């Protein structure tokens, strides 16, 4: 009802929906590299992080506010490009940027708040998984971490795979449409986004649901495999611990998974990837060569240097 121009924005949410609110802050040198990324990419990435959180709730994003911390060396065109990057992605999902704030800061900082709406019956949380549920993700993992590594070095990686990795880090695509589509199914018991690494985030989902999980397969993106091979590292670690893939982790009733995954592939043109199952026994395990081992939550820690 009222956007930029007054002391606050005003909007009227639908009476039949719940509002969901999320916020995410990104700091230069921690979440992105302003010297290695364009301002358009940084803006896109900031908006994507918030859109992914709304997607994980099964909601439709509606509006955003932006608090921008500007260092002394920033220039006007750079700041405009930040907003252009945010606006391009936001408008593609029907989101309006309705206000915010701007302050001096020692490092470039973007703090976004995003509001979405969801039908009460479609709200999905991370605490609803049940033992026996199939665990799946909306896409392969690890490419974002591979892209981060490519910011710092040149590696013998095929150009198309290097570009795929860099794009996964710099301009990730939040699964908003997928989240809303999946949330419409009563067979979807829990959902969250994979932003801090599969091992960390699936562990959170399992603990919130009062159960455990076994990972039977780790779907690694081809770009992550290529970068890991060039560095003589384990590609699965990129998916388990790398983070910021912004795919969705879902727990689905076992009898419904085959039908729901077939419909998902028909609708979105790519498969819903089964990775394991929820279990009664607590903890997170990885099944390798018919042997289980405990899987530690060693992904992104927001307070670790």
C-alpha atoms as a PDB file:
ATOM      1  CA  UNK A   1       0.000   0.000   0.000  1.00  0.00           C
ATOM      2  CA  UNK A   2       2.955   2.344   0.683  1.00  0.00           C
ATOM      3  CA  UNK A   3       6.545   1.942  -0.489  1.00  0.00           C
ATOM      4  CA  UNK A   4       9.699   4.056  -0.470  1.00  0.00           C
ATOM      5  CA  UNK A   5       9.224   7.705   0.483  1.00  0.00           C
ATOM      6  CA  UNK A   6       7.899   7.682   4.072  1.00  0.00           C
ATOM      7  CA  UNK A   7       9.363   6.646   7.408  1.00  0.00           C
ATOM      8  CA  UNK A   8       8.013   3.121   6.976  1.00  0.00           C
ATOM      9  CA  UNK A   9       6.367   0.997   4.330  1.00  0.00           C
ATOM     10  CA  UNK A  10       2.815  -0.311   4.701  1.00  0.00           C
ATOM     11  CA  UNK A  11       1.286  -3.449   3.291  1.00  0.00           C
ATOM     12  CA  UNK A  12      -1.867  -5.418   3.947  1.00  0.00           C
ATOM     13  CA  UNK A  13      -1.280  -9.174   4.148  1.00  0.00           C
ATOM     14  CA  UNK A  14      -3.936 -11.582   3.017  1.00  0.00           C
ATOM     15  CA  UNK A  15      -6.325 -12.471   5.817  1.00  0.00           C
ATOM     16  CA  UNK A  16      -6.141 -16.173   4.988  1.00  0.00           C
ATOM     17  CA  UNK A  17      -2.337 -16.351   5.008  1.00  0.00           C
ATOM     18  CA  UNK A  18       0.456 -16.269   7.544  1.00  0.00           C
ATOM     19  CA  UNK A  19       3.332 -13.826   7.182  1.00  0.00           C
ATOM     20  CA  UNK A  20       6.862 -15.198   7.344  1.00  0.00           C
ATOM     21  CA  UNK A  21       9.837 -12.922   8.007  1.00  0.00           C
ATOM     22  CA  UNK A  22      13.548 -13.593   7.588  1.00  0.00           C
ATOM     23  CA  UNK A  23      16.711 -11.519   7.655  1.00  0.00           C
ATOM     24  CA  UNK A  24      20.242 -12.204   6.500  1.00  0.00           C
ATOM     25  CA  UNK A  25      23.415 -10.108   6.700  1.00  0.00           C
ATOM     26  CA  UNK A  26      26.376 -10.378   4.336  1.00  0.00           C
ATOM     27  CA  UNK A  27      29.761  -8.797   5.051  1.00  0.00           C
ATOM     28  CA  UNK A  28      32.605  -8.215   2.615  1.00  0.00           C
ATOM     29  CA  UNK A  29      35.448 -10.639   3.222  1.00  0.00           C
ATOM     30  CA  UNK A  30      33.165 -13.070   5.071  1.00  0.00           C
ATOM     31  CA  UNK A  31      30.282 -13.839   2.718  1.00  0.00           C
ATOM     32  CA  UNK A  32      31.583 -12.392  -0.540  1.00  0.00           C
ATOM     33  CA  UNK A  33      34.695 -10.860  -2.088  1.00  0.00           C
ATOM     34  CA  UNK A  34      34.098  -7.365  -3.467  1.00  0.00           C
ATOM     35  CA  UNK A  35      37.497  -7.444  -5.183  1.00  0.00           C
ATOM     36  CA  UNK A  36      36.624 -10.638  -7.069  1.00  0.00           C
ATOM     37  CA  UNK A  37      32.899 -10.160  -7.676  1.00  0.00           C
ATOM     38  CA  UNK A  38      30.851  -7.498  -9.397  1.00  0.00           C
ATOM     39  CA  UNK A  39      28.412  -5.368  -7.409  1.00  0.00           C
ATOM     40  CA  UNK A  40      25.595  -6.907  -9.476  1.00  0.00           C
ATOM     41  CA  UNK A  41      26.640 -10.380  -8.290  1.00  0.00           C
ATOM     42  CA  UNK A  42      26.914  -9.271  -4.665  1.00  0.00           C
ATOM     43  CA  UNK A  43      23.428  -7.783  -4.748  1.00  0.00           C
ATOM     44  CA  UNK A  44      22.015 -10.901  -6.390  1.00  0.00           C
ATOM     45  CA  UNK A  45      23.651 -13.135  -3.799  1.00  0.00           C
ATOM     46  CA  UNK A  46      22.300 -11.110  -0.875  1.00  0.00           C
ATOM     47  CA  UNK A  47      18.756 -11.308  -2.191  1.00  0.00           C
ATOM     48  CA  UNK A  48      19.108 -15.018  -3.007  1.00  0.00           C
ATOM     49  CA  UNK A  49      20.061 -15.882   0.582  1.00  0.00           C
ATOM     50  CA  UNK A  50      16.850 -14.363   1.899  1.00  0.00           C
ATOM     51  CA  UNK A  51      14.645 -15.762  -0.856  1.00  0.00           C
ATOM     52  CA  UNK A  52      15.971 -19.237  -0.074  1.00  0.00           C
ATOM     53  CA  UNK A  53      14.841 -18.946   3.559  1.00  0.00           C
ATOM     54  CA  UNK A  54      11.336 -17.962   2.475  1.00  0.00           C
ATOM     55  CA  UNK A  55      11.314 -20.808  -0.050  1.00  0.00           C
ATOM     56  CA  UNK A  56      12.108 -23.280   2.738  1.00  0.00           C
ATOM     57  CA  UNK A  57       8.886 -22.272   4.512  1.00  0.00           C
ATOM     58  CA  UNK A  58       6.798 -22.891   1.395  1.00  0.00           C
ATOM     59  CA  UNK A  59       5.983 -19.192   1.183  1.00  0.00           C
ATOM     60  CA  UNK A  60       5.602 -16.595  -1.559  1.00  0.00           C
ATOM     61  CA  UNK A  61       8.042 -13.692  -1.087  1.00  0.00           C
ATOM     62  CA  UNK A  62       6.355 -10.285  -1.125  1.00  0.00           C
ATOM     63  CA  UNK A  63       8.588  -7.405  -0.027  1.00  0.00           C
ATOM     64  CA  UNK A  64      12.093  -6.618   1.176  1.00  0.00           C
ATOM     65  CA  UNK A  65      13.981  -3.922   3.010  1.00  0.00           C
ATOM     66  CA  UNK A  66      17.721  -3.322   2.631  1.00  0.00           C
ATOM     67  CA  UNK A  67      20.153  -1.899   5.199  1.00  0.00           C
ATOM     68  CA  UNK A  68      23.404  -1.013   3.482  1.00  0.00           C
ATOM     69  CA  UNK A  69      26.716  -0.350   5.237  1.00  0.00           C
ATOM     70  CA  UNK A  70      29.001   1.648   2.944  1.00  0.00           C
ATOM     71  CA  UNK A  71      32.810   1.871   3.358  1.00  0.00           C
ATOM     72  CA  UNK A  72      34.711   5.072   2.454  1.00  0.00           C
ATOM     73  CA  UNK A  73      36.088   3.650  -0.804  1.00  0.00           C
ATOM     74  CA  UNK A  74      32.650   2.785  -2.243  1.00  0.00           C
ATOM     75  CA  UNK A  75      31.413   4.832  -5.196  1.00  0.00           C
ATOM     76  CA  UNK A  76      27.933   5.666  -6.403  1.00  0.00           C
ATOM     77  CA  UNK A  77      27.862   3.387  -9.456  1.00  0.00           C
ATOM     78  CA  UNK A  78      28.883   0.420  -7.303  1.00  0.00           C
ATOM     79  CA  UNK A  79      26.010   1.088  -4.900  1.00  0.00           C
ATOM     80  CA  UNK A  80      23.544   1.427  -7.764  1.00  0.00           C
ATOM     81  CA  UNK A  81      24.744  -1.894  -9.167  1.00  0.00           C
ATOM     82  CA  UNK A  82      24.186  -3.535  -5.777  1.00  0.00           C
ATOM     83  CA  UNK A  83      20.558  -2.467  -5.951  1.00  0.00           C
ATOM     84  CA  UNK A  84      20.290  -3.461  -9.602  1.00  0.00           C
ATOM     85  CA  UNK A  85      21.491  -6.960  -8.702  1.00  0.00           C
ATOM     86  CA  UNK A  86      19.000  -7.243  -5.861  1.00  0.00           C
ATOM     87  CA  UNK A  87      16.143  -5.792  -7.883  1.00  0.00           C
ATOM     88  CA  UNK A  88      16.683  -8.048 -10.898  1.00  0.00           C
ATOM     89  CA  UNK A  89      16.348 -11.198  -8.803  1.00  0.00           C
ATOM     90  CA  UNK A  90      13.597  -9.780  -6.583  1.00  0.00           C
ATOM     91  CA  UNK A  91      11.385  -8.735  -9.473  1.00  0.00           C
ATOM     92  CA  UNK A  92      11.700 -12.203 -11.005  1.00  0.00           C
ATOM     93  CA  UNK A  93       9.962 -13.551  -7.911  1.00  0.00           C
ATOM     94  CA  UNK A  94       7.383 -10.784  -7.541  1.00  0.00           C
ATOM     95  CA  UNK A  95       9.201  -9.031  -4.686  1.00  0.00           C
ATOM     96  CA  UNK A  96       9.241  -5.257  -4.139  1.00  0.00           C
ATOM     97  CA  UNK A  97      12.087  -3.512  -2.336  1.00  0.00           C
ATOM     98  CA  UNK A  98      10.117  -1.073  -0.152  1.00  0.00           C
ATOM     99  CA  UNK A  99      12.754   0.685   1.922  1.00  0.00           C
ATOM    100  CA  UNK A 100      15.743   0.298   4.216  1.00  0.00           C
ATOM    101  CA  UNK A 101      18.657   2.314   5.526  1.00  0.00           C
ATOM    102  CA  UNK A 102      22.180   3.372   4.577  1.00  0.00           C
ATOM    103  CA  UNK A 103      25.078   4.027   6.992  1.00  0.00           C
ATOM    104  CA  UNK A 104      28.858   4.388   7.039  1.00  0.00           C
ATOM    105  CA  UNK A 105      30.659   1.131   7.796  1.00  0.00           C
ATOM    106  CA  UNK A 106      34.236  -0.226   7.879  1.00  0.00           C
ATOM    107  CA  UNK A 107      33.321  -2.884   5.281  1.00  0.00           C
ATOM    108  CA  UNK A 108      30.608  -3.238   2.667  1.00  0.00           C
ATOM    109  CA  UNK A 109      27.628  -4.825   4.419  1.00  0.00           C
ATOM    110  CA  UNK A 110      24.172  -5.784   3.192  1.00  0.00           C
ATOM    111  CA  UNK A 111      21.465  -6.684   5.713  1.00  0.00           C
ATOM    112  CA  UNK A 112      18.167  -7.665   4.116  1.00  0.00           C
ATOM    113  CA  UNK A 113      14.793  -8.416   5.638  1.00  0.00           C
ATOM    114  CA  UNK A 114      12.271 -10.289   3.515  1.00  0.00           C
ATOM    115  CA  UNK A 115       8.564 -10.796   4.140  1.00  0.00           C
ATOM    116  CA  UNK A 116       6.549 -13.576   2.571  1.00  0.00           C
ATOM    117  CA  UNK A 117       3.067 -15.042   2.794  1.00  0.00           C
ATOM    118  CA  UNK A 118       1.902 -18.636   2.955  1.00  0.00           C
ATOM    119  CA  UNK A 119      -1.357 -20.480   3.418  1.00  0.00           C
ATOM    120  CA  UNK A 120      -1.626 -21.860   6.924  1.00  0.00           C
ATOM    121  CA  UNK A 121      -1.951 -25.382   5.542  1.00  0.00           C
ATOM    122  CA  UNK A 122       1.180 -24.966   3.389  1.00  0.00           C
ATOM    123  CA  UNK A 123       3.575 -23.649   6.034  1.00  0.00           C
ATOM    124  CA  UNK A 124       6.490 -26.067   6.275  1.00  0.00           C
ATOM    125  CA  UNK A 125       8.950 -26.261   9.142  1.00  0.00           C
ATOM    126  CA  UNK A 126      12.053 -28.291   9.906  1.00  0.00           C
ATOM    127  CA  UNK A 127      10.552 -30.133  12.888  1.00  0.00           C
ATOM    128  CA  UNK A 128       7.963 -32.309  11.166  1.00  0.00           C
ATOM    129  CA  UNK A 129      10.046 -35.215   9.831  1.00  0.00           C
ATOM    130  CA  UNK A 130       9.129 -38.754  10.904  1.00  0.00           C
ATOM    131  CA  UNK A 131      11.210 -41.944  11.130  1.00  0.00           C
ATOM    132  CA  UNK A 132      11.014 -43.705   7.777  1.00  0.00           C
ATOM    133  CA  UNK A 133      10.603 -40.522   5.752  1.00  0.00           C
ATOM    134  CA  UNK A 134      12.628 -40.256   2.573  1.00  0.00           C
ATOM    135  CA  UNK A 135      15.177 -37.433   2.630  1.00  0.00           C
ATOM    136  CA  UNK A 136      15.767 -35.677  -0.685  1.00  0.00           C
ATOM    137  CA  UNK A 137      17.281 -32.488  -2.101  1.00  0.00           C
ATOM    138  CA  UNK A 138      16.163 -30.353  -5.019  1.00  0.00           C
ATOM    139  CA  UNK A 139      19.527 -30.462  -6.777  1.00  0.00           C
ATOM    140  CA  UNK A 140      23.174 -31.587  -6.589  1.00  0.00           C
ATOM    141  CA  UNK A 141      25.436 -29.936  -4.042  1.00  0.00           C
ATOM    142  CA  UNK A 142      28.954 -28.588  -3.714  1.00  0.00           C
ATOM    143  CA  UNK A 143      29.163 -26.273  -6.731  1.00  0.00           C
ATOM    144  CA  UNK A 144      29.034 -23.100  -4.641  1.00  0.00           C
ATOM    145  CA  UNK A 145      32.056 -24.139  -2.574  1.00  0.00           C
ATOM    146  CA  UNK A 146      33.860 -25.047  -5.783  1.00  0.00           C
ATOM    147  CA  UNK A 147      33.080 -21.580  -7.148  1.00  0.00           C
ATOM    148  CA  UNK A 148      34.485 -19.958  -4.018  1.00  0.00           C
ATOM    149  CA  UNK A 149      37.728 -21.879  -4.475  1.00  0.00           C
ATOM    150  CA  UNK A 150      37.940 -20.695  -8.075  1.00  0.00           C
ATOM    151  CA  UNK A 151      37.813 -17.077  -6.914  1.00  0.00           C
ATOM    152  CA  UNK A 152      41.261 -17.505  -5.395  1.00  0.00           C
ATOM    153  CA  UNK A 153      43.076 -19.612  -7.980  1.00  0.00           C
ATOM    154  CA  UNK A 154      43.134 -20.825 -11.556  1.00  0.00           C
ATOM    155  CA  UNK A 155      42.666 -24.564 -11.891  1.00  0.00           C
ATOM    156  CA  UNK A 156      42.721 -26.999 -14.841  1.00  0.00           C
ATOM    157  CA  UNK A 157      38.941 -27.266 -15.030  1.00  0.00           C
ATOM    158  CA  UNK A 158      36.864 -27.353 -18.217  1.00  0.00           C
ATOM    159  CA  UNK A 159      35.567 -23.820 -18.968  1.00  0.00           C
ATOM    160  CA  UNK A 160      31.888 -24.793 -18.844  1.00  0.00           C
ATOM    161  CA  UNK A 161      32.316 -26.479 -15.452  1.00  0.00           C
ATOM    162  CA  UNK A 162      34.366 -23.575 -14.092  1.00  0.00           C
ATOM    163  CA  UNK A 163      31.642 -21.172 -15.212  1.00  0.00           C
ATOM    164  CA  UNK A 164      28.981 -23.393 -13.606  1.00  0.00           C
ATOM    165  CA  UNK A 165      30.868 -23.340 -10.300  1.00  0.00           C
ATOM    166  CA  UNK A 166      31.462 -19.589 -10.345  1.00  0.00           C
ATOM    167  CA  UNK A 167      27.812 -18.934 -11.163  1.00  0.00           C
ATOM    168  CA  UNK A 168      26.687 -21.228  -8.336  1.00  0.00           C
ATOM    169  CA  UNK A 169      28.651 -19.105  -5.879  1.00  0.00           C
ATOM    170  CA  UNK A 170      28.125 -15.621  -7.319  1.00  0.00           C
ATOM    171  CA  UNK A 171      24.546 -15.845  -8.629  1.00  0.00           C
ATOM    172  CA  UNK A 172      22.786 -18.776  -6.903  1.00  0.00           C
ATOM    173  CA  UNK A 173      19.184 -19.476  -7.834  1.00  0.00           C
ATOM    174  CA  UNK A 174      16.862 -19.819  -4.804  1.00  0.00           C
ATOM    175  CA  UNK A 175      14.264 -22.580  -5.119  1.00  0.00           C
ATOM    176  CA  UNK A 176      11.230 -20.406  -4.445  1.00  0.00           C
ATOM    177  CA  UNK A 177       8.909 -22.024  -6.969  1.00  0.00           C
ATOM    178  CA  UNK A 178      10.042 -25.495  -5.963  1.00  0.00           C
ATOM    179  CA  UNK A 179       9.428 -24.733  -2.297  1.00  0.00           C
ATOM    180  CA  UNK A 180       5.882 -23.523  -2.890  1.00  0.00           C
ATOM    181  CA  UNK A 181       5.122 -26.489  -5.124  1.00  0.00           C
ATOM    182  CA  UNK A 182       6.461 -29.031  -2.645  1.00  0.00           C
ATOM    183  CA  UNK A 183       4.741 -27.388   0.318  1.00  0.00           C
ATOM    184  CA  UNK A 184       1.361 -27.935  -1.337  1.00  0.00           C
ATOM    185  CA  UNK A 185       1.737 -31.686  -0.757  1.00  0.00           C
ATOM    186  CA  UNK A 186       0.479 -33.115   2.539  1.00  0.00           C
ATOM    187  CA  UNK A 187       3.139 -35.810   2.174  1.00  0.00           C
ATOM    188  CA  UNK A 188       5.931 -33.275   2.669  1.00  0.00           C
ATOM    189  CA  UNK A 189       6.619 -33.416   6.396  1.00  0.00           C
ATOM    190  CA  UNK A 190       9.616 -31.067   6.773  1.00  0.00           C
ATOM    191  CA  UNK A 191      11.704 -28.692   4.682  1.00  0.00           C
ATOM    192  CA  UNK A 192      14.676 -26.336   5.080  1.00  0.00           C
ATOM    193  CA  UNK A 193      17.268 -24.778   2.824  1.00  0.00           C
ATOM    194  CA  UNK A 194      20.799 -26.130   2.509  1.00  0.00           C
ATOM    195  CA  UNK A 195      22.872 -23.036   3.229  1.00  0.00           C
ATOM    196  CA  UNK A 196      25.456 -24.255   5.761  1.00  0.00           C
ATOM    197  CA  UNK A 197      26.328 -27.657   4.263  1.00  0.00           C
ATOM    198  CA  UNK A 198      24.292 -30.871   4.036  1.00  0.00           C
ATOM    199  CA  UNK A 199      25.798 -32.443   7.153  1.00  0.00           C
ATOM    200  CA  UNK A 200      25.066 -29.369   9.273  1.00  0.00           C
ATOM    201  CA  UNK A 201      21.597 -28.619   7.930  1.00  0.00           C
ATOM    202  CA  UNK A 202      20.278 -32.176   7.794  1.00  0.00           C
ATOM    203  CA  UNK A 203      21.561 -32.596  11.344  1.00  0.00           C
ATOM    204  CA  UNK A 204      19.515 -29.540  12.361  1.00  0.00           C
ATOM    205  CA  UNK A 205      16.396 -30.883  10.668  1.00  0.00           C
ATOM    206  CA  UNK A 206      16.821 -34.258  12.366  1.00  0.00           C
ATOM    207  CA  UNK A 207      17.349 -32.755  15.836  1.00  0.00           C
ATOM    208  CA  UNK A 208      14.372 -30.421  15.421  1.00  0.00           C
ATOM    209  CA  UNK A 209      12.225 -33.424  14.480  1.00  0.00           C
ATOM    210  CA  UNK A 210      13.450 -35.506  17.408  1.00  0.00           C
ATOM    211  CA  UNK A 211      15.005 -38.229  15.275  1.00  0.00           C
ATOM    212  CA  UNK A 212      18.118 -39.088  13.301  1.00  0.00           C
ATOM    213  CA  UNK A 213      19.028 -39.629   9.667  1.00  0.00           C
ATOM    214  CA  UNK A 214      21.195 -41.786   7.442  1.00  0.00           C
ATOM    215  CA  UNK A 215      22.680 -40.356   4.252  1.00  0.00           C
ATOM    216  CA  UNK A 216      22.809 -43.127   1.640  1.00  0.00           C
ATOM    217  CA  UNK A 217      23.992 -41.049  -1.330  1.00  0.00           C
ATOM    218  CA  UNK A 218      25.630 -37.638  -1.659  1.00  0.00           C
ATOM    219  CA  UNK A 219      24.637 -35.926  -4.940  1.00  0.00           C
ATOM    220  CA  UNK A 220      27.718 -33.932  -5.937  1.00  0.00           C
ATOM    221  CA  UNK A 221      27.501 -31.364  -8.713  1.00  0.00           C
ATOM    222  CA  UNK A 222      29.779 -32.102 -11.728  1.00  0.00           C
ATOM    223  CA  UNK A 223      31.469 -28.724 -11.272  1.00  0.00           C
ATOM    224  CA  UNK A 224      32.356 -29.631  -7.690  1.00  0.00           C
ATOM    225  CA  UNK A 225      33.747 -32.972  -8.861  1.00  0.00           C
ATOM    226  CA  UNK A 226      35.957 -31.224 -11.413  1.00  0.00           C
ATOM    227  CA  UNK A 227      37.374 -28.704  -8.935  1.00  0.00           C
ATOM    228  CA  UNK A 228      37.923 -31.355  -6.271  1.00  0.00           C
ATOM    229  CA  UNK A 229      39.761 -33.542  -8.773  1.00  0.00           C
ATOM    230  CA  UNK A 230      42.013 -30.638  -9.767  1.00  0.00           C
ATOM    231  CA  UNK A 231      42.877 -30.074  -6.096  1.00  0.00           C
ATOM    232  CA  UNK A 232      43.123 -33.798  -5.242  1.00  0.00           C
ATOM    233  CA  UNK A 233      40.369 -33.400  -2.671  1.00  0.00           C
ATOM    234  CA  UNK A 234      37.236 -35.385  -1.816  1.00  0.00           C
ATOM    235  CA  UNK A 235      34.305 -34.018  -3.805  1.00  0.00           C
ATOM    236  CA  UNK A 236      31.709 -35.318  -1.347  1.00  0.00           C
ATOM    237  CA  UNK A 237      33.166 -33.011   1.305  1.00  0.00           C
ATOM    238  CA  UNK A 238      32.186 -30.012  -0.825  1.00  0.00           C
ATOM    239  CA  UNK A 239      28.555 -31.149  -0.695  1.00  0.00           C
ATOM    240  CA  UNK A 240      28.560 -32.210   2.958  1.00  0.00           C
ATOM    241  CA  UNK A 241      30.430 -29.236   4.403  1.00  0.00           C
ATOM    242  CA  UNK A 242      30.744 -26.525   1.737  1.00  0.00           C
ATOM    243  CA  UNK A 243      27.416 -24.758   2.190  1.00  0.00           C
ATOM    244  CA  UNK A 244      25.571 -22.005   0.321  1.00  0.00           C
ATOM    245  CA  UNK A 245      24.096 -24.280  -2.323  1.00  0.00           C
ATOM    246  CA  UNK A 246      20.593 -22.954  -1.501  1.00  0.00           C
ATOM    247  CA  UNK A 247      18.918 -26.182  -2.540  1.00  0.00           C
ATOM    248  CA  UNK A 248      16.045 -27.439  -0.373  1.00  0.00           C
ATOM    249  CA  UNK A 249      16.223 -30.457   1.940  1.00  0.00           C
ATOM    250  CA  UNK A 250      12.883 -32.247   2.289  1.00  0.00           C
ATOM    251  CA  UNK A 251      11.465 -35.153   4.287  1.00  0.00           C
ATOM    252  CA  UNK A 252       8.665 -36.970   2.462  1.00  0.00           C
ATOM    253  CA  UNK A 253       6.386 -39.836   3.461  1.00  0.00           C
ATOM    254  CA  UNK A 254       7.975 -42.989   1.979  1.00  0.00           C
ATOM    255  CA  UNK A 255       4.860 -44.232   0.179  1.00  0.00           C
ATOM    256  CA  UNK A 256       4.429 -40.889  -1.572  1.00  0.00           C
ATOM    257  CA  UNK A 257       8.006 -40.259  -2.653  1.00  0.00           C
ATOM    258  CA  UNK A 258       7.983 -42.079  -6.002  1.00  0.00           C
ATOM    259  CA  UNK A 259       4.827 -40.309  -7.178  1.00  0.00           C
ATOM    260  CA  UNK A 260       5.846 -36.896  -5.836  1.00  0.00           C
ATOM    261  CA  UNK A 261       9.360 -37.091  -7.290  1.00  0.00           C
ATOM    262  CA  UNK A 262       7.997 -38.110 -10.702  1.00  0.00           C
ATOM    263  CA  UNK A 263       5.646 -35.113 -10.678  1.00  0.00           C
ATOM    264  CA  UNK A 264       8.495 -32.857  -9.546  1.00  0.00           C
ATOM    265  CA  UNK A 265      10.675 -33.935 -12.472  1.00  0.00           C
ATOM    266  CA  UNK A 266       7.816 -33.475 -14.905  1.00  0.00           C
ATOM    267  CA  UNK A 267       7.084 -29.998 -13.548  1.00  0.00           C
ATOM    268  CA  UNK A 268      10.646 -28.648 -13.169  1.00  0.00           C
ATOM    269  CA  UNK A 269      12.580 -30.692 -15.705  1.00  0.00           C
ATOM    270  CA  UNK A 270      15.055 -32.162 -13.214  1.00  0.00           C
ATOM    271  CA  UNK A 271      14.856 -34.912 -10.602  1.00  0.00           C
ATOM    272  CA  UNK A 272      14.177 -34.665  -6.889  1.00  0.00           C
ATOM    273  CA  UNK A 273      17.264 -36.451  -5.579  1.00  0.00           C
ATOM    274  CA  UNK A 274      16.817 -39.068  -2.861  1.00  0.00           C
ATOM    275  CA  UNK A 275      19.749 -38.985  -0.443  1.00  0.00           C
ATOM    276  CA  UNK A 276      18.656 -41.062   2.552  1.00  0.00           C
ATOM    277  CA  UNK A 277      16.073 -41.667   5.243  1.00  0.00           C
ATOM    278  CA  UNK A 278      14.990 -40.431   8.648  1.00  0.00           C
ATOM    279  CA  UNK A 279      15.364 -42.875  11.553  1.00  0.00           C
ATOM    280  CA  UNK A 280      14.309 -43.285  15.172  1.00  0.00           C
ATOM    281  CA  UNK A 281      17.858 -43.427  16.502  1.00  0.00           C
ATOM    282  CA  UNK A 282      19.400 -40.033  16.996  1.00  0.00           C
ATOM    283  CA  UNK A 283      22.450 -38.772  15.182  1.00  0.00           C
ATOM    284  CA  UNK A 284      23.555 -38.402  11.594  1.00  0.00           C
ATOM    285  CA  UNK A 285      25.227 -41.228   9.697  1.00  0.00           C
ATOM    286  CA  UNK A 286      26.777 -41.701   6.258  1.00  0.00           C
ATOM    287  CA  UNK A 287      26.503 -45.055   4.515  1.00  0.00           C
ATOM    288  CA  UNK A 288      29.663 -45.870   2.556  1.00  0.00           C
ATOM    289  CA  UNK A 289      30.381 -49.250   0.933  1.00  0.00           C
ATOM    290  CA  UNK A 290      27.700 -50.890   3.128  1.00  0.00           C
ATOM    291  CA  UNK A 291      29.328 -49.476   6.269  1.00  0.00           C
ATOM    292  CA  UNK A 292      27.999 -46.652   8.412  1.00  0.00           C
ATOM    293  CA  UNK A 293      30.049 -43.911  10.011  1.00  0.00           C
ATOM    294  CA  UNK A 294      29.020 -40.993  12.150  1.00  0.00           C
ATOM    295  CA  UNK A 295      28.689 -37.769  10.189  1.00  0.00           C
ATOM    296  CA  UNK A 296      29.848 -34.664  12.005  1.00  0.00           C
ATOM    297  CA  UNK A 297      28.237 -31.265  11.471  1.00  0.00           C
ATOM    298  CA  UNK A 298      31.284 -29.435  10.159  1.00  0.00           C
ATOM    299  CA  UNK A 299      29.760 -26.955   7.729  1.00  0.00           C
ATOM    300  CA  UNK A 300      29.592 -23.170   7.926  1.00  0.00           C
ATOM    301  CA  UNK A 301      29.701 -21.677  11.426  1.00  0.00           C
ATOM    302  CA  UNK A 302      28.583 -18.026  11.398  1.00  0.00           C
ATOM    303  CA  UNK A 303      30.719 -17.112  14.435  1.00  0.00           C
ATOM    304  CA  UNK A 304      33.838 -19.084  13.596  1.00  0.00           C
ATOM    305  CA  UNK A 305      36.759 -17.018  12.204  1.00  0.00           C
END
